[in-house]
Amino acid sequence: MTTEDSLKKELEYLYVPDLGDLVSEIEPDSIVSRTFFAEDRLKGILFGFAAGQELSEHTASRPAVLHFLTGEAQLVLGDDTLEARPGTWVHMPAHLPHSVLAQTEVTMLLLLLR
């Protein structure tokens, strides 16, 4: 394969063998985030929450998907309070009020859609 072929391959897809490796160690009392993918129709952000940390109620101007990879959290979607754990997957329409409270250390994937 030529260098040009390699560059073309890199532009065709993004391969991340382990999303967890994208978030550095999560310090106590902190939330870390890392945007690892951005294009016109999709933005991928990985969050790491220390236990007890919260993203207070807010809305997003775009539809979004939350996928909890590790840990346990309390998730508020509109008027509903739900539990999130590894494997929890949520699709939210634009402008839905929501919040996340990490009960343990949490890793969460956020996908913002167009």
N, C-alpha and C. Protein backbone atom coordinates (compact mmCIF):
# COMPACT_ATOMS: atom_id res chain seq x y z
N MET A 1 0.85 -1.17 0.00
CA MET A 1 0.00 0.00 0.00
C MET A 1 0.90 1.24 0.00
N THR A 2 0.56 2.19 -0.84
CA THR A 2 1.35 3.42 -0.92
C THR A 2 0.93 4.38 0.20
N THR A 3 1.74 5.41 0.40
CA THR A 3 1.42 6.43 1.40
C THR A 3 0.10 7.10 1.07
N GLU A 4 -0.13 7.35 -0.21
CA GLU A 4 -1.39 7.98 -0.64
C GLU A 4 -2.57 7.08 -0.28
N ASP A 5 -2.43 5.76 -0.48
CA ASP A 5 -3.50 4.83 -0.11
C ASP A 5 -3.75 4.88 1.40
N SER A 6 -2.67 4.95 2.18
CA SER A 6 -2.80 5.01 3.63
C SER A 6 -3.56 6.27 4.05
N LEU A 7 -3.23 7.41 3.44
CA LEU A 7 -3.93 8.65 3.77
C LEU A 7 -5.39 8.56 3.38
N LYS A 8 -5.67 7.97 2.25
CA LYS A 8 -7.05 7.83 1.81
C LYS A 8 -7.81 6.96 2.81
N LYS A 9 -7.21 5.87 3.26
CA LYS A 9 -7.84 4.99 4.24
C LYS A 9 -8.16 5.75 5.51
N GLU A 10 -7.22 6.59 5.96
CA GLU A 10 -7.44 7.36 7.18
C GLU A 10 -8.64 8.28 7.03
N LEU A 11 -8.88 8.80 5.84
CA LEU A 11 -10.00 9.69 5.62
C LEU A 11 -11.32 8.95 5.48
N GLU A 12 -11.30 7.67 5.17
CA GLU A 12 -12.52 6.90 4.96
C GLU A 12 -13.17 6.47 6.26
N TYR A 13 -12.40 6.29 7.30
CA TYR A 13 -12.97 5.83 8.56
C TYR A 13 -12.07 6.20 9.72
N LEU A 14 -12.67 6.13 10.92
CA LEU A 14 -11.91 6.32 12.14
C LEU A 14 -12.07 5.04 12.95
N TYR A 15 -10.98 4.46 13.35
CA TYR A 15 -10.99 3.23 14.15
C TYR A 15 -10.43 3.55 15.52
N VAL A 16 -11.24 3.33 16.57
CA VAL A 16 -10.80 3.54 17.94
C VAL A 16 -10.92 2.20 18.66
N PRO A 17 -9.83 1.52 18.94
CA PRO A 17 -9.91 0.18 19.54
C PRO A 17 -10.54 0.17 20.93
N ASP A 18 -10.37 1.25 21.71
CA ASP A 18 -10.94 1.30 23.06
C ASP A 18 -11.21 2.76 23.42
N LEU A 19 -12.49 3.14 23.44
CA LEU A 19 -12.85 4.53 23.76
C LEU A 19 -12.33 4.94 25.14
N GLY A 20 -12.29 4.02 26.08
CA GLY A 20 -11.84 4.34 27.43
C GLY A 20 -10.43 4.89 27.46
N ASP A 21 -9.61 4.51 26.48
CA ASP A 21 -8.24 5.01 26.43
C ASP A 21 -8.17 6.51 26.08
N LEU A 22 -9.27 7.07 25.59
CA LEU A 22 -9.27 8.48 25.18
C LEU A 22 -9.43 9.44 26.35
N VAL A 23 -9.87 8.93 27.50
CA VAL A 23 -10.03 9.78 28.68
C VAL A 23 -8.90 9.44 29.65
N SER A 24 -8.16 10.48 30.01
CA SER A 24 -7.07 10.26 30.96
C SER A 24 -7.65 9.93 32.33
N GLU A 25 -6.80 9.71 33.27
CA GLU A 25 -7.25 9.42 34.63
C GLU A 25 -8.20 10.52 35.09
N ILE A 26 -9.28 10.12 35.74
CA ILE A 26 -10.28 11.09 36.20
C ILE A 26 -9.94 11.46 37.64
N GLU A 27 -9.55 12.71 37.82
CA GLU A 27 -9.20 13.20 39.16
C GLU A 27 -10.46 13.34 40.01
N PRO A 28 -10.34 13.19 41.33
CA PRO A 28 -11.50 13.42 42.21
C PRO A 28 -12.08 14.83 41.95
N ASP A 29 -13.38 14.92 42.09
CA ASP A 29 -14.08 16.21 41.94
C ASP A 29 -13.91 16.82 40.55
N SER A 30 -13.84 15.98 39.51
CA SER A 30 -13.67 16.55 38.17
C SER A 30 -14.52 15.82 37.14
N ILE A 31 -14.73 16.51 36.04
CA ILE A 31 -15.32 15.95 34.83
C ILE A 31 -14.36 16.26 33.71
N VAL A 32 -14.01 15.25 32.94
CA VAL A 32 -13.15 15.47 31.78
C VAL A 32 -13.94 15.12 30.53
N SER A 33 -13.63 15.81 29.44
CA SER A 33 -14.28 15.50 28.18
C SER A 33 -13.26 15.59 27.06
N ARG A 34 -13.50 14.79 26.04
CA ARG A 34 -12.60 14.79 24.90
C ARG A 34 -13.41 14.60 23.63
N THR A 35 -13.38 15.60 22.76
CA THR A 35 -13.99 15.46 21.44
C THR A 35 -13.03 14.66 20.59
N PHE A 36 -13.47 13.53 20.10
CA PHE A 36 -12.59 12.67 19.31
C PHE A 36 -13.03 12.54 17.86
N PHE A 37 -14.22 13.07 17.55
CA PHE A 37 -14.70 13.00 16.16
C PHE A 37 -15.62 14.18 15.92
N ALA A 38 -15.45 14.86 14.79
CA ALA A 38 -16.34 15.96 14.44
C ALA A 38 -16.44 16.07 12.93
N GLU A 39 -17.65 16.07 12.44
CA GLU A 39 -17.93 16.33 11.03
C GLU A 39 -19.29 17.00 10.95
N ASP A 40 -19.79 17.25 9.76
CA ASP A 40 -21.05 17.98 9.60
C ASP A 40 -22.21 17.35 10.34
N ARG A 41 -22.35 16.04 10.26
CA ARG A 41 -23.56 15.38 10.77
C ARG A 41 -23.39 14.68 12.11
N LEU A 42 -22.17 14.60 12.63
CA LEU A 42 -21.93 13.86 13.87
C LEU A 42 -20.74 14.43 14.63
N LYS A 43 -20.91 14.53 15.94
CA LYS A 43 -19.80 14.92 16.81
C LYS A 43 -19.75 13.91 17.94
N GLY A 44 -18.59 13.33 18.20
CA GLY A 44 -18.41 12.35 19.27
C GLY A 44 -17.57 12.92 20.39
N ILE A 45 -18.11 12.87 21.61
CA ILE A 45 -17.42 13.39 22.79
C ILE A 45 -17.45 12.32 23.87
N LEU A 46 -16.31 12.04 24.45
CA LEU A 46 -16.23 11.08 25.54
C LEU A 46 -16.09 11.85 26.85
N PHE A 47 -16.92 11.51 27.83
CA PHE A 47 -16.89 12.14 29.14
C PHE A 47 -16.41 11.15 30.19
N GLY A 48 -15.66 11.65 31.15
CA GLY A 48 -15.30 10.89 32.34
C GLY A 48 -15.70 11.70 33.56
N PHE A 49 -16.53 11.12 34.42
CA PHE A 49 -17.01 11.79 35.62
C PHE A 49 -16.41 11.12 36.85
N ALA A 50 -15.88 11.89 37.77
CA ALA A 50 -15.54 11.35 39.09
C ALA A 50 -16.85 11.13 39.83
N ALA A 51 -16.84 10.19 40.77
CA ALA A 51 -18.04 9.93 41.57
C ALA A 51 -18.52 11.21 42.22
N GLY A 52 -19.83 11.45 42.16
CA GLY A 52 -20.43 12.62 42.78
C GLY A 52 -20.51 13.84 41.88
N GLN A 53 -19.88 13.79 40.71
CA GLN A 53 -19.90 14.95 39.80
C GLN A 53 -21.17 14.98 38.97
N GLU A 54 -21.60 16.18 38.59
CA GLU A 54 -22.88 16.34 37.91
C GLU A 54 -22.78 17.32 36.75
N LEU A 55 -23.44 16.97 35.65
CA LEU A 55 -23.75 17.93 34.60
C LEU A 55 -25.16 18.39 34.93
N SER A 56 -25.30 19.62 35.38
CA SER A 56 -26.62 20.11 35.80
C SER A 56 -27.55 20.21 34.59
N GLU A 57 -28.82 20.41 34.89
CA GLU A 57 -29.83 20.41 33.82
C GLU A 57 -29.47 21.42 32.73
N HIS A 58 -29.58 20.95 31.50
CA HIS A 58 -29.32 21.77 30.33
C HIS A 58 -30.04 21.16 29.14
N THR A 59 -29.98 21.81 28.00
CA THR A 59 -30.55 21.27 26.77
C THR A 59 -29.48 21.34 25.69
N ALA A 60 -29.72 20.62 24.61
CA ALA A 60 -28.83 20.66 23.45
C ALA A 60 -29.66 21.08 22.24
N SER A 61 -29.07 21.82 21.35
CA SER A 61 -29.79 22.29 20.17
C SER A 61 -29.89 21.22 19.09
N ARG A 62 -29.22 20.09 19.32
CA ARG A 62 -29.22 18.98 18.35
C ARG A 62 -29.70 17.70 19.03
N PRO A 63 -30.28 16.77 18.27
CA PRO A 63 -30.57 15.45 18.85
C PRO A 63 -29.26 14.82 19.30
N ALA A 64 -29.34 13.94 20.32
CA ALA A 64 -28.12 13.35 20.87
C ALA A 64 -28.38 11.92 21.32
N VAL A 65 -27.29 11.17 21.40
CA VAL A 65 -27.29 9.81 21.94
C VAL A 65 -26.32 9.77 23.11
N LEU A 66 -26.75 9.21 24.23
CA LEU A 66 -25.88 8.95 25.37
C LEU A 66 -25.68 7.45 25.46
N HIS A 67 -24.45 7.00 25.61
CA HIS A 67 -24.15 5.58 25.80
C HIS A 67 -23.20 5.50 26.99
N PHE A 68 -23.67 4.87 28.05
CA PHE A 68 -22.87 4.73 29.26
C PHE A 68 -21.98 3.50 29.13
N LEU A 69 -20.68 3.71 29.25
CA LEU A 69 -19.71 2.64 29.04
C LEU A 69 -19.29 2.00 30.36
N THR A 70 -19.10 2.81 31.41
CA THR A 70 -18.71 2.29 32.72
C THR A 70 -19.44 3.08 33.80
N GLY A 71 -19.58 2.48 34.96
CA GLY A 71 -20.10 3.17 36.13
C GLY A 71 -21.61 3.24 36.21
N GLU A 72 -22.07 3.95 37.24
CA GLU A 72 -23.50 4.11 37.48
C GLU A 72 -23.81 5.58 37.69
N ALA A 73 -24.95 6.01 37.15
CA ALA A 73 -25.33 7.42 37.23
C ALA A 73 -26.83 7.56 37.36
N GLN A 74 -27.24 8.69 37.89
CA GLN A 74 -28.65 9.07 37.87
C GLN A 74 -28.81 9.98 36.67
N LEU A 75 -29.78 9.69 35.84
CA LEU A 75 -30.02 10.41 34.61
C LEU A 75 -31.41 11.00 34.66
N VAL A 76 -31.53 12.30 34.45
CA VAL A 76 -32.84 12.94 34.40
C VAL A 76 -33.09 13.35 32.95
N LEU A 77 -34.21 12.86 32.40
CA LEU A 77 -34.63 13.19 31.03
C LEU A 77 -36.01 13.80 31.13
N GLY A 78 -36.12 15.09 30.89
CA GLY A 78 -37.40 15.76 31.07
C GLY A 78 -37.83 15.63 32.52
N ASP A 79 -39.00 15.03 32.77
CA ASP A 79 -39.52 14.84 34.12
C ASP A 79 -39.18 13.47 34.71
N ASP A 80 -38.46 12.64 33.95
CA ASP A 80 -38.18 11.26 34.38
C ASP A 80 -36.78 11.15 34.97
N THR A 81 -36.68 10.48 36.13
CA THR A 81 -35.40 10.17 36.75
C THR A 81 -35.14 8.69 36.54
N LEU A 82 -34.01 8.37 35.92
CA LEU A 82 -33.68 7.00 35.52
C LEU A 82 -32.28 6.64 36.02
N GLU A 83 -32.00 5.36 36.08
CA GLU A 83 -30.67 4.88 36.43
C GLU A 83 -29.93 4.51 35.15
N ALA A 84 -28.66 4.85 35.09
CA ALA A 84 -27.81 4.48 33.96
C ALA A 84 -26.67 3.62 34.49
N ARG A 85 -26.31 2.60 33.71
CA ARG A 85 -25.22 1.70 34.06
C ARG A 85 -24.53 1.28 32.77
N PRO A 86 -23.47 0.50 32.83
CA PRO A 86 -22.81 0.10 31.59
C PRO A 86 -23.81 -0.55 30.62
N GLY A 87 -23.84 -0.03 29.41
CA GLY A 87 -24.76 -0.53 28.40
C GLY A 87 -26.00 0.32 28.22
N THR A 88 -26.29 1.23 29.15
CA THR A 88 -27.46 2.10 28.99
C THR A 88 -27.26 2.97 27.76
N TRP A 89 -28.32 3.06 26.95
CA TRP A 89 -28.29 3.81 25.69
C TRP A 89 -29.53 4.66 25.62
N VAL A 90 -29.37 5.95 25.30
CA VAL A 90 -30.49 6.89 25.28
C VAL A 90 -30.42 7.74 24.02
N HIS A 91 -31.55 7.89 23.33
CA HIS A 91 -31.67 8.87 22.25
C HIS A 91 -32.51 10.02 22.78
N MET A 92 -32.03 11.25 22.62
CA MET A 92 -32.75 12.43 23.09
C MET A 92 -33.02 13.36 21.92
N PRO A 93 -34.25 13.87 21.82
CA PRO A 93 -34.50 14.88 20.80
C PRO A 93 -33.85 16.20 21.21
N ALA A 94 -33.69 17.09 20.26
CA ALA A 94 -33.15 18.42 20.56
C ALA A 94 -34.04 19.10 21.60
N HIS A 95 -33.44 19.90 22.46
CA HIS A 95 -34.11 20.76 23.44
C HIS A 95 -34.72 20.00 24.62
N LEU A 96 -34.44 18.72 24.80
CA LEU A 96 -34.94 17.99 25.96
C LEU A 96 -34.08 18.34 27.18
N PRO A 97 -34.68 18.86 28.26
CA PRO A 97 -33.88 19.12 29.47
C PRO A 97 -33.35 17.80 30.03
N HIS A 98 -32.09 17.79 30.39
CA HIS A 98 -31.49 16.56 30.93
C HIS A 98 -30.32 16.90 31.84
N SER A 99 -29.99 15.95 32.73
CA SER A 99 -28.83 16.08 33.61
C SER A 99 -28.27 14.71 33.91
N VAL A 100 -27.02 14.68 34.36
CA VAL A 100 -26.32 13.44 34.70
C VAL A 100 -25.62 13.64 36.03
N LEU A 101 -25.85 12.72 36.97
CA LEU A 101 -25.17 12.72 38.27
C LEU A 101 -24.46 11.38 38.42
N ALA A 102 -23.14 11.40 38.46
CA ALA A 102 -22.34 10.18 38.58
C ALA A 102 -22.40 9.67 40.02
N GLN A 103 -22.87 8.45 40.20
CA GLN A 103 -22.89 7.84 41.53
C GLN A 103 -21.57 7.13 41.80
N THR A 104 -20.93 6.65 40.74
CA THR A 104 -19.59 6.08 40.79
C THR A 104 -18.79 6.77 39.68
N GLU A 105 -17.53 6.43 39.52
CA GLU A 105 -16.80 6.95 38.36
C GLU A 105 -17.50 6.46 37.10
N VAL A 106 -17.73 7.36 36.15
CA VAL A 106 -18.52 7.05 34.95
C VAL A 106 -17.76 7.45 33.70
N THR A 107 -17.86 6.62 32.68
CA THR A 107 -17.42 6.98 31.33
C THR A 107 -18.66 6.94 30.44
N MET A 108 -18.90 8.04 29.73
CA MET A 108 -20.10 8.17 28.91
C MET A 108 -19.74 8.73 27.53
N LEU A 109 -20.28 8.11 26.50
CA LEU A 109 -20.12 8.58 25.13
C LEU A 109 -21.32 9.44 24.77
N LEU A 110 -21.06 10.64 24.28
CA LEU A 110 -22.10 11.53 23.78
C LEU A 110 -21.92 11.68 22.28
N LEU A 111 -22.97 11.41 21.53
CA LEU A 111 -22.98 11.62 20.08
C LEU A 111 -24.00 12.71 19.78
N LEU A 112 -23.54 13.83 19.24
CA LEU A 112 -24.44 14.91 18.83
C LEU A 112 -24.73 14.71 17.34
N LEU A 113 -26.01 14.67 16.98
CA LEU A 113 -26.46 14.35 15.63
C LEU A 113 -26.98 15.59 14.92
N ARG A 114 -27.05 15.56 13.63
CA ARG A 114 -27.71 16.62 12.85
C ARG A 114 -28.91 16.03 12.18
